[in-house]
Amino acid sequence: IDKLAGTSPWGLIVFLLLGFCAGVLNVLRSAGLIAVS
């Protein structure tokens, strides 16, 4: 997104944080600590 839109470094920062949250959510689902709908 940063390369295409020229918004460096904001796209990288925002999506890095979103990726971190998604990774934590995946770990919690795999561990069975969050029920899958």
Full PDB file with SEQRES, HELIX, SHEET, SSBOND, CRYST1, ORIGX, SCALE, CONECT and MASTER records, all heavy atoms in Angstrom:
SEQRES   1 A   37  ILE ASP LYS LEU ALA GLY THR SER PRO TRP GLY LEU ILE          
SEQRES   2 A   37  VAL PHE LEU LEU LEU GLY PHE CYS ALA GLY VAL LEU ASN          
SEQRES   3 A   37  VAL LEU ARG SER ALA GLY LEU ILE ALA VAL SER                  
HELIX    1 AA1 ASP A    2  ALA A    5  1                                   4    
HELIX    2 AA2 TRP A   10  ALA A   31  1                                  22    
CRYST1    1.000    1.000    1.000  90.00  90.00  90.00 P 1           1          
ORIGX1      1.000000  0.000000  0.000000        0.00000                         
ORIGX2      0.000000  1.000000  0.000000        0.00000                         
ORIGX3      0.000000  0.000000  1.000000        0.00000                         
SCALE1      1.000000  0.000000  0.000000        0.00000                         
SCALE2      0.000000  1.000000  0.000000        0.00000                         
SCALE3      0.000000  0.000000  1.000000        0.00000                         
ATOM      1  N   ILE A   1       0.845  -1.205   0.000  1.00  0.00           N  
ATOM      2  CA  ILE A   1       0.000   0.000   0.000  1.00  0.00           C  
ATOM      3  C   ILE A   1       0.876   1.250   0.000  1.00  0.00           C  
ATOM      4  O   ILE A   1       0.580   2.231  -0.709  1.00  0.00           O  
ATOM      5  CB  ILE A   1      -0.976  -0.030   1.193  1.00  0.00           C  
ATOM      6  CG1 ILE A   1      -2.058  -1.062   0.927  1.00  0.00           C  
ATOM      7  CG2 ILE A   1      -1.583   1.334   1.452  1.00  0.00           C  
ATOM      8  CD1 ILE A   1      -3.032  -1.274   2.047  1.00  0.00           C  
ATOM      9  N   ASP A   2       1.940   1.230   0.796  1.00  0.00           N  
ATOM     10  CA  ASP A   2       2.854   2.381   0.815  1.00  0.00           C  
ATOM     11  C   ASP A   2       3.480   2.622  -0.555  1.00  0.00           C  
ATOM     12  O   ASP A   2       3.623   3.770  -0.990  1.00  0.00           O  
ATOM     13  CB  ASP A   2       3.959   2.185   1.854  1.00  0.00           C  
ATOM     14  CG  ASP A   2       3.493   2.518   3.261  1.00  0.00           C  
ATOM     15  OD1 ASP A   2       2.439   3.170   3.398  1.00  0.00           O  
ATOM     16  OD2 ASP A   2       4.192   2.124   4.215  1.00  0.00           O  
ATOM     17  N   LYS A   3       3.867   1.571  -1.257  1.00  0.00           N  
ATOM     18  CA  LYS A   3       4.486   1.710  -2.575  1.00  0.00           C  
ATOM     19  C   LYS A   3       3.487   2.246  -3.598  1.00  0.00           C  
ATOM     20  O   LYS A   3       3.815   3.096  -4.416  1.00  0.00           O  
ATOM     21  CB  LYS A   3       5.046   0.363  -3.067  1.00  0.00           C  
ATOM     22  CG  LYS A   3       6.325  -0.035  -2.403  1.00  0.00           C  
ATOM     23  CD  LYS A   3       7.423   0.907  -2.844  1.00  0.00           C  
ATOM     24  CE  LYS A   3       8.732   0.453  -2.263  1.00  0.00           C  
ATOM     25  NZ  LYS A   3       9.811   1.381  -2.542  1.00  0.00           N  
ATOM     26  N   LEU A   4       2.250   1.729  -3.541  1.00  0.00           N  
ATOM     27  CA  LEU A   4       1.253   2.135  -4.533  1.00  0.00           C  
ATOM     28  C   LEU A   4       0.673   3.517  -4.245  1.00  0.00           C  
ATOM     29  O   LEU A   4       0.439   4.299  -5.162  1.00  0.00           O  
ATOM     30  CB  LEU A   4       0.123   1.092  -4.597  1.00  0.00           C  
ATOM     31  CG  LEU A   4       0.516  -0.292  -5.116  1.00  0.00           C  
ATOM     32  CD1 LEU A   4      -0.657  -1.240  -5.046  1.00  0.00           C  
ATOM     33  CD2 LEU A   4       1.056  -0.214  -6.535  1.00  0.00           C  
ATOM     34  N   ALA A   5       0.413   3.824  -2.978  1.00  0.00           N  
ATOM     35  CA  ALA A   5      -0.256   5.077  -2.641  1.00  0.00           C  
ATOM     36  C   ALA A   5       0.718   6.172  -2.231  1.00  0.00           C  
ATOM     37  O   ALA A   5       0.322   7.336  -2.124  1.00  0.00           O  
ATOM     38  CB  ALA A   5      -1.257   4.831  -1.517  1.00  0.00           C  
ATOM     39  N   GLY A   6       1.948   5.823  -1.950  1.00  0.00           N  
ATOM     40  CA  GLY A   6       2.946   6.811  -1.547  1.00  0.00           C  
ATOM     41  C   GLY A   6       2.702   7.357  -0.149  1.00  0.00           C  
ATOM     42  O   GLY A   6       3.002   8.515   0.119  1.00  0.00           O  
ATOM     43  N   THR A   7       2.176   6.539   0.737  1.00  0.00           N  
ATOM     44  CA  THR A   7       1.852   6.971   2.103  1.00  0.00           C  
ATOM     45  C   THR A   7       2.895   6.505   3.106  1.00  0.00           C  
ATOM     46  O   THR A   7       2.579   6.310   4.277  1.00  0.00           O  
ATOM     47  CB  THR A   7       0.480   6.417   2.521  1.00  0.00           C  
ATOM     48  OG1 THR A   7       0.510   5.002   2.417  1.00  0.00           O  
ATOM     49  CG2 THR A   7      -0.616   6.999   1.664  1.00  0.00           C  
ATOM     50  N   SER A   8       4.097   6.308   2.689  1.00  0.00           N  
ATOM     51  CA  SER A   8       5.151   5.752   3.539  1.00  0.00           C  
ATOM     52  C   SER A   8       5.327   6.593   4.789  1.00  0.00           C  
ATOM     53  O   SER A   8       5.303   7.812   4.709  1.00  0.00           O  
ATOM     54  CB  SER A   8       6.447   5.705   2.741  1.00  0.00           C  
ATOM     55  OG  SER A   8       7.449   5.086   3.481  1.00  0.00           O  
ATOM     56  N   PRO A   9       5.509   6.070   5.913  1.00  0.00           N  
ATOM     57  CA  PRO A   9       5.520   4.710   6.444  1.00  0.00           C  
ATOM     58  C   PRO A   9       4.195   4.313   7.095  1.00  0.00           C  
ATOM     59  O   PRO A   9       4.120   3.321   7.793  1.00  0.00           O  
ATOM     60  CB  PRO A   9       6.604   4.784   7.493  1.00  0.00           C  
ATOM     61  CG  PRO A   9       6.448   6.136   8.103  1.00  0.00           C  
ATOM     62  CD  PRO A   9       6.019   7.004   6.948  1.00  0.00           C  
ATOM     63  N   TRP A  10       3.124   5.098   6.884  1.00  0.00           N  
ATOM     64  CA  TRP A  10       1.890   4.877   7.638  1.00  0.00           C  
ATOM     65  C   TRP A  10       1.194   3.570   7.296  1.00  0.00           C  
ATOM     66  O   TRP A  10       0.657   2.897   8.180  1.00  0.00           O  
ATOM     67  CB  TRP A  10       0.947   6.076   7.462  1.00  0.00           C  
ATOM     68  CG  TRP A  10       1.567   7.292   8.051  1.00  0.00           C  
ATOM     69  CD1 TRP A  10       2.079   8.363   7.378  1.00  0.00           C  
ATOM     70  CD2 TRP A  10       1.811   7.527   9.434  1.00  0.00           C  
ATOM     71  NE1 TRP A  10       2.614   9.269   8.257  1.00  0.00           N  
ATOM     72  CE2 TRP A  10       2.460   8.765   9.544  1.00  0.00           C  
ATOM     73  CE3 TRP A  10       1.554   6.821  10.600  1.00  0.00           C  
ATOM     74  CZ2 TRP A  10       2.847   9.327  10.740  1.00  0.00           C  
ATOM     75  CZ3 TRP A  10       1.927   7.373  11.803  1.00  0.00           C  
ATOM     76  CH2 TRP A  10       2.569   8.606  11.862  1.00  0.00           C  
ATOM     77  N   GLY A  11       1.148   3.188   6.052  1.00  0.00           N  
ATOM     78  CA  GLY A  11       0.522   1.920   5.677  1.00  0.00           C  
ATOM     79  C   GLY A  11       1.243   0.743   6.305  1.00  0.00           C  
ATOM     80  O   GLY A  11       0.624  -0.202   6.809  1.00  0.00           O  
ATOM     81  N   LEU A  12       2.584   0.811   6.279  1.00  0.00           N  
ATOM     82  CA  LEU A  12       3.373  -0.259   6.880  1.00  0.00           C  
ATOM     83  C   LEU A  12       3.123  -0.359   8.376  1.00  0.00           C  
ATOM     84  O   LEU A  12       2.941  -1.456   8.920  1.00  0.00           O  
ATOM     85  CB  LEU A  12       4.856  -0.021   6.604  1.00  0.00           C  
ATOM     86  CG  LEU A  12       5.820  -1.082   7.132  1.00  0.00           C  
ATOM     87  CD1 LEU A  12       5.594  -2.397   6.423  1.00  0.00           C  
ATOM     88  CD2 LEU A  12       7.250  -0.621   6.954  1.00  0.00           C  
ATOM     89  N   ILE A  13       3.074   0.776   9.065  1.00  0.00           N  
ATOM     90  CA  ILE A  13       2.869   0.776  10.514  1.00  0.00           C  
ATOM     91  C   ILE A  13       1.489   0.229  10.863  1.00  0.00           C  
ATOM     92  O   ILE A  13       1.343  -0.644  11.731  1.00  0.00           O  
ATOM     93  CB  ILE A  13       3.066   2.196  11.089  1.00  0.00           C  
ATOM     94  CG1 ILE A  13       4.527   2.611  10.966  1.00  0.00           C  
ATOM     95  CG2 ILE A  13       2.598   2.263  12.525  1.00  0.00           C  
ATOM     96  CD1 ILE A  13       4.790   4.069  11.290  1.00  0.00           C  
ATOM     97  N   VAL A  14       0.465   0.716  10.166  1.00  0.00           N  
ATOM     98  CA  VAL A  14      -0.906   0.295  10.466  1.00  0.00           C  
ATOM     99  C   VAL A  14      -1.085  -1.193  10.190  1.00  0.00           C  
ATOM    100  O   VAL A  14      -1.620  -1.941  11.025  1.00  0.00           O  
ATOM    101  CB  VAL A  14      -1.916   1.142   9.652  1.00  0.00           C  
ATOM    102  CG1 VAL A  14      -3.315   0.547   9.731  1.00  0.00           C  
ATOM    103  CG2 VAL A  14      -1.919   2.571  10.156  1.00  0.00           C  
ATOM    104  N   PHE A  15      -0.638  -1.656   9.046  1.00  0.00           N  
ATOM    105  CA  PHE A  15      -0.839  -3.058   8.702  1.00  0.00           C  
ATOM    106  C   PHE A  15       0.096  -3.986   9.477  1.00  0.00           C  
ATOM    107  O   PHE A  15      -0.232  -5.153   9.681  1.00  0.00           O  
ATOM    108  CB  PHE A  15      -0.735  -3.273   7.197  1.00  0.00           C  
ATOM    109  CG  PHE A  15      -2.011  -2.917   6.488  1.00  0.00           C  
ATOM    110  CD1 PHE A  15      -2.191  -1.650   5.972  1.00  0.00           C  
ATOM    111  CD2 PHE A  15      -3.027  -3.843   6.374  1.00  0.00           C  
ATOM    112  CE1 PHE A  15      -3.366  -1.300   5.339  1.00  0.00           C  
ATOM    113  CE2 PHE A  15      -4.210  -3.511   5.751  1.00  0.00           C  
ATOM    114  CZ  PHE A  15      -4.384  -2.236   5.227  1.00  0.00           C  
ATOM    115  N   LEU A  16       1.230  -3.509   9.921  1.00  0.00           N  
ATOM    116  CA  LEU A  16       2.074  -4.306  10.809  1.00  0.00           C  
ATOM    117  C   LEU A  16       1.341  -4.557  12.121  1.00  0.00           C  
ATOM    118  O   LEU A  16       1.325  -5.684  12.633  1.00  0.00           O  
ATOM    119  CB  LEU A  16       3.410  -3.602  11.061  1.00  0.00           C  
ATOM    120  CG  LEU A  16       4.349  -4.293  12.053  1.00  0.00           C  
ATOM    121  CD1 LEU A  16       4.834  -5.610  11.479  1.00  0.00           C  
ATOM    122  CD2 LEU A  16       5.520  -3.400  12.385  1.00  0.00           C  
ATOM    123  N   LEU A  17       0.715  -3.518  12.663  1.00  0.00           N  
ATOM    124  CA  LEU A  17      -0.063  -3.684  13.901  1.00  0.00           C  
ATOM    125  C   LEU A  17      -1.267  -4.588  13.686  1.00  0.00           C  
ATOM    126  O   LEU A  17      -1.587  -5.433  14.534  1.00  0.00           O  
ATOM    127  CB  LEU A  17      -0.488  -2.317  14.443  1.00  0.00           C  
ATOM    128  CG  LEU A  17       0.642  -1.437  14.964  1.00  0.00           C  
ATOM    129  CD1 LEU A  17       0.120  -0.062  15.340  1.00  0.00           C  
ATOM    130  CD2 LEU A  17       1.328  -2.091  16.142  1.00  0.00           C  
ATOM    131  N   LEU A  18      -1.951  -4.426  12.543  1.00  0.00           N  
ATOM    132  CA  LEU A  18      -3.082  -5.312  12.237  1.00  0.00           C  
ATOM    133  C   LEU A  18      -2.616  -6.763  12.068  1.00  0.00           C  
ATOM    134  O   LEU A  18      -3.294  -7.695  12.502  1.00  0.00           O  
ATOM    135  CB  LEU A  18      -3.807  -4.833  10.980  1.00  0.00           C  
ATOM    136  CG  LEU A  18      -4.664  -3.583  11.130  1.00  0.00           C  
ATOM    137  CD1 LEU A  18      -5.218  -3.154   9.783  1.00  0.00           C  
ATOM    138  CD2 LEU A  18      -5.778  -3.812  12.129  1.00  0.00           C  
ATOM    139  N   GLY A  19      -1.461  -6.951  11.438  1.00  0.00           N  
ATOM    140  CA  GLY A  19      -0.907  -8.302  11.287  1.00  0.00           C  
ATOM    141  C   GLY A  19      -0.543  -8.918  12.622  1.00  0.00           C  
ATOM    142  O   GLY A  19      -0.751 -10.115  12.850  1.00  0.00           O  
ATOM    143  N   PHE A  20      -0.011  -8.094  13.531  1.00  0.00           N  
ATOM    144  CA  PHE A  20       0.307  -8.578  14.872  1.00  0.00           C  
ATOM    145  C   PHE A  20      -0.962  -9.022  15.591  1.00  0.00           C  
ATOM    146  O   PHE A  20      -1.001 -10.089  16.199  1.00  0.00           O  
ATOM    147  CB  PHE A  20       1.020  -7.484  15.673  1.00  0.00           C  
ATOM    148  CG  PHE A  20       1.355  -7.875  17.072  1.00  0.00           C  
ATOM    149  CD1 PHE A  20       2.462  -8.657  17.333  1.00  0.00           C  
ATOM    150  CD2 PHE A  20       0.548  -7.492  18.138  1.00  0.00           C  
ATOM    151  CE1 PHE A  20       2.775  -9.035  18.619  1.00  0.00           C  
ATOM    152  CE2 PHE A  20       0.844  -7.862  19.425  1.00  0.00           C  
ATOM    153  CZ  PHE A  20       1.956  -8.631  19.675  1.00  0.00           C  
ATOM    154  N   CYS A  21      -2.017  -8.214  15.498  1.00  0.00           N  
ATOM    155  CA  CYS A  21      -3.295  -8.573  16.136  1.00  0.00           C  
ATOM    156  C   CYS A  21      -3.868  -9.848  15.515  1.00  0.00           C  
ATOM    157  O   CYS A  21      -4.389 -10.716  16.227  1.00  0.00           O  
ATOM    158  CB  CYS A  21      -4.284  -7.430  16.008  1.00  0.00           C  
ATOM    159  SG  CYS A  21      -3.823  -5.979  16.970  1.00  0.00           S  
ATOM    160  N   ALA A  22      -3.781  -9.976  14.199  1.00  0.00           N  
ATOM    161  CA  ALA A  22      -4.276 -11.181  13.531  1.00  0.00           C  
ATOM    162  C   ALA A  22      -3.465 -12.405  13.952  1.00  0.00           C  
ATOM    163  O   ALA A  22      -4.022 -13.489  14.153  1.00  0.00           O  
ATOM    164  CB  ALA A  22      -4.216 -11.005  12.018  1.00  0.00           C  
ATOM    165  N   GLY A  23      -2.158 -12.241  14.105  1.00  0.00           N  
ATOM    166  CA  GLY A  23      -1.318 -13.354  14.558  1.00  0.00           C  
ATOM    167  C   GLY A  23      -1.671 -13.792  15.968  1.00  0.00           C  
ATOM    168  O   GLY A  23      -1.757 -14.991  16.257  1.00  0.00           O  
ATOM    169  N   VAL A  24      -1.894 -12.836  16.862  1.00  0.00           N  
ATOM    170  CA  VAL A  24      -2.279 -13.176  18.235  1.00  0.00           C  
ATOM    171  C   VAL A  24      -3.630 -13.892  18.235  1.00  0.00           C  
ATOM    172  O   VAL A  24      -3.829 -14.885  18.943  1.00  0.00           O  
ATOM    173  CB  VAL A  24      -2.312 -11.913  19.121  1.00  0.00           C  
ATOM    174  CG1 VAL A  24      -2.968 -12.193  20.457  1.00  0.00           C  
ATOM    175  CG2 VAL A  24      -0.904 -11.388  19.320  1.00  0.00           C  
ATOM    176  N   LEU A  25      -4.574 -13.405  17.434  1.00  0.00           N  
ATOM    177  CA  LEU A  25      -5.890 -14.033  17.347  1.00  0.00           C  
ATOM    178  C   LEU A  25      -5.781 -15.468  16.823  1.00  0.00           C  
ATOM    179  O   LEU A  25      -6.435 -16.382  17.344  1.00  0.00           O  
ATOM    180  CB  LEU A  25      -6.797 -13.199  16.447  1.00  0.00           C  
ATOM    181  CG  LEU A  25      -8.247 -13.639  16.359  1.00  0.00           C  
ATOM    182  CD1 LEU A  25      -8.927 -13.530  17.710  1.00  0.00           C  
ATOM    183  CD2 LEU A  25      -8.976 -12.800  15.324  1.00  0.00           C  
ATOM    184  N   ASN A  26      -4.944 -15.698  15.824  1.00  0.00           N  
ATOM    185  CA  ASN A  26      -4.742 -17.058  15.290  1.00  0.00           C  
ATOM    186  C   ASN A  26      -4.144 -17.982  16.340  1.00  0.00           C  
ATOM    187  O   ASN A  26      -4.527 -19.152  16.438  1.00  0.00           O  
ATOM    188  CB  ASN A  26      -3.848 -17.028  14.059  1.00  0.00           C  
ATOM    189  CG  ASN A  26      -4.574 -16.520  12.845  1.00  0.00           C  
ATOM    190  OD1 ASN A  26      -5.800 -16.544  12.779  1.00  0.00           O  
ATOM    191  ND2 ASN A  26      -3.816 -16.045  11.871  1.00  0.00           N  
ATOM    192  N   VAL A  27      -3.205 -17.477  17.117  1.00  0.00           N  
ATOM    193  CA  VAL A  27      -2.590 -18.297  18.164  1.00  0.00           C  
ATOM    194  C   VAL A  27      -3.631 -18.662  19.217  1.00  0.00           C  
ATOM    195  O   VAL A  27      -3.714 -19.817  19.659  1.00  0.00           O  
ATOM    196  CB  VAL A  27      -1.387 -17.560  18.801  1.00  0.00           C  
ATOM    197  CG1 VAL A  27      -0.949 -18.231  20.080  1.00  0.00           C  
ATOM    198  CG2 VAL A  27      -0.240 -17.501  17.820  1.00  0.00           C  
ATOM    199  N   LEU A  28      -4.438 -17.701  19.617  1.00  0.00           N  
ATOM    200  CA  LEU A  28      -5.462 -17.977  20.621  1.00  0.00           C  
ATOM    201  C   LEU A  28      -6.503 -18.968  20.107  1.00  0.00           C  
ATOM    202  O   LEU A  28      -6.975 -19.830  20.853  1.00  0.00           O  
ATOM    203  CB  LEU A  28      -6.131 -16.671  21.061  1.00  0.00           C  
ATOM    204  CG  LEU A  28      -5.247 -15.715  21.863  1.00  0.00           C  
ATOM    205  CD1 LEU A  28      -5.984 -14.423  22.140  1.00  0.00           C  
ATOM    206  CD2 LEU A  28      -4.776 -16.359  23.142  1.00  0.00           C  
ATOM    207  N   ARG A  29      -6.850 -18.874  18.837  1.00  0.00           N  
ATOM    208  CA  ARG A  29      -7.788 -19.846  18.256  1.00  0.00           C  
ATOM    209  C   ARG A  29      -7.174 -21.239  18.204  1.00  0.00           C  
ATOM    210  O   ARG A  29      -7.838 -22.231  18.492  1.00  0.00           O  
ATOM    211  CB  ARG A  29      -8.192 -19.417  16.855  1.00  0.00           C  
ATOM    212  CG  ARG A  29      -9.216 -18.334  16.846  1.00  0.00           C  
ATOM    213  CD  ARG A  29      -9.640 -18.030  15.429  1.00  0.00           C  
ATOM    214  NE  ARG A  29     -10.543 -16.902  15.411  1.00  0.00           N  
ATOM    215  CZ  ARG A  29     -10.704 -16.103  14.382  1.00  0.00           C  
ATOM    216  NH1 ARG A  29     -10.029 -16.320  13.274  1.00  0.00           N  
ATOM    217  NH2 ARG A  29     -11.549 -15.100  14.442  1.00  0.00           N  
ATOM    218  N   SER A  30      -5.922 -21.335  17.818  1.00  0.00           N  
ATOM    219  CA  SER A  30      -5.265 -22.646  17.741  1.00  0.00           C  
ATOM    220  C   SER A  30      -5.120 -23.274  19.121  1.00  0.00           C  
ATOM    221  O   SER A  30      -5.212 -24.486  19.257  1.00  0.00           O  
ATOM    222  CB  SER A  30      -3.884 -22.515  17.111  1.00  0.00           C  
ATOM    223  OG  SER A  30      -3.990 -22.219  15.755  1.00  0.00           O  
ATOM    224  N   ALA A  31      -4.887 -22.443  20.122  1.00  0.00           N  
ATOM    225  CA  ALA A  31      -4.731 -22.961  21.483  1.00  0.00           C  
ATOM    226  C   ALA A  31      -6.072 -23.310  22.111  1.00  0.00           C  
ATOM    227  O   ALA A  31      -6.118 -23.929  23.161  1.00  0.00           O  
ATOM    228  CB  ALA A  31      -3.997 -21.937  22.341  1.00  0.00           C  
ATOM    229  N   GLY A  32      -7.163 -22.918  21.456  1.00  0.00           N  
ATOM    230  CA  GLY A  32      -8.482 -23.236  21.982  1.00  0.00           C  
ATOM    231  C   GLY A  32      -8.947 -22.271  23.050  1.00  0.00           C  
ATOM    232  O   GLY A  32      -9.873 -22.576  23.790  1.00  0.00           O  
ATOM    233  N   LEU A  33      -8.317 -21.127  23.156  1.00  0.00           N  
ATOM    234  CA  LEU A  33      -8.702 -20.153  24.169  1.00  0.00           C  
ATOM    235  C   LEU A  33      -9.824 -19.242  23.687  1.00  0.00           C  
ATOM    236  O   LEU A  33     -10.468 -18.574  24.489  1.00  0.00           O  
ATOM    237  CB  LEU A  33      -7.491 -19.317  24.587  1.00  0.00           C  
ATOM    238  CG  LEU A  33      -6.345 -20.119  25.206  1.00  0.00           C  
ATOM    239  CD1 LEU A  33      -5.154 -19.225  25.477  1.00  0.00           C  
ATOM    240  CD2 LEU A  33      -6.810 -20.794  26.480  1.00  0.00           C  
ATOM    241  N   ILE A  34     -10.054 -19.205  22.381  1.00  0.00           N  
ATOM    242  CA  ILE A  34     -11.161 -18.451  21.803  1.00  0.00           C  
ATOM    243  C   ILE A  34     -11.978 -19.423  20.968  1.00  0.00           C  
ATOM    244  O   ILE A  34     -11.432 -20.142  20.128  1.00  0.00           O  
ATOM    245  CB  ILE A  34     -10.657 -17.292  20.918  1.00  0.00           C  
ATOM    246  CG1 ILE A  34      -9.951 -16.257  21.767  1.00  0.00           C  
ATOM    247  CG2 ILE A  34     -11.803 -16.667  20.160  1.00  0.00           C  
ATOM    248  CD1 ILE A  34      -9.428 -15.094  20.984  1.00  0.00           C  
ATOM    249  N   ALA A  35     -13.282 -19.435  21.201  1.00  0.00           N  
ATOM    250  CA  ALA A  35     -14.160 -20.323  20.439  1.00  0.00           C  
ATOM    251  C   ALA A  35     -14.334 -19.783  19.024  1.00  0.00           C  
ATOM    252  O   ALA A  35     -14.441 -18.572  18.809  1.00  0.00           O  
ATOM    253  CB  ALA A  35     -15.507 -20.448  21.121  1.00  0.00           C  
ATOM    254  N   VAL A  36     -14.372 -20.681  18.070  1.00  0.00           N  
ATOM    255  CA  VAL A  36     -14.577 -20.317  16.686  1.00  0.00           C  
ATOM    256  C   VAL A  36     -16.081 -20.319  16.437  1.00  0.00           C  
ATOM    257  O   VAL A  36     -16.781 -21.257  16.804  1.00  0.00           O  
ATOM    258  CB  VAL A  36     -13.865 -21.312  15.744  1.00  0.00           C  
ATOM    259  CG1 VAL A  36     -14.087 -20.961  14.297  1.00  0.00           C  
ATOM    260  CG2 VAL A  36     -12.388 -21.360  16.067  1.00  0.00           C  
ATOM    261  N   SER A  37     -16.585 -19.270  15.799  1.00  0.00           N  
ATOM    262  CA  SER A  37     -18.031 -19.173  15.573  1.00  0.00           C  
ATOM    263  C   SER A  37     -18.468 -20.176  14.511  1.00  0.00           C  
ATOM    264  O   SER A  37     -17.667 -20.693  13.733  1.00  0.00           O  
ATOM    265  CB  SER A  37     -18.403 -17.759  15.150  1.00  0.00           C  
ATOM    266  OG  SER A  37     -17.906 -17.499  13.861  1.00  0.00           O  
TER     267      SER A  37                                                      
MASTER        0    0    0    2    0    0    0    6  266    1    0    3          
END                                                                             
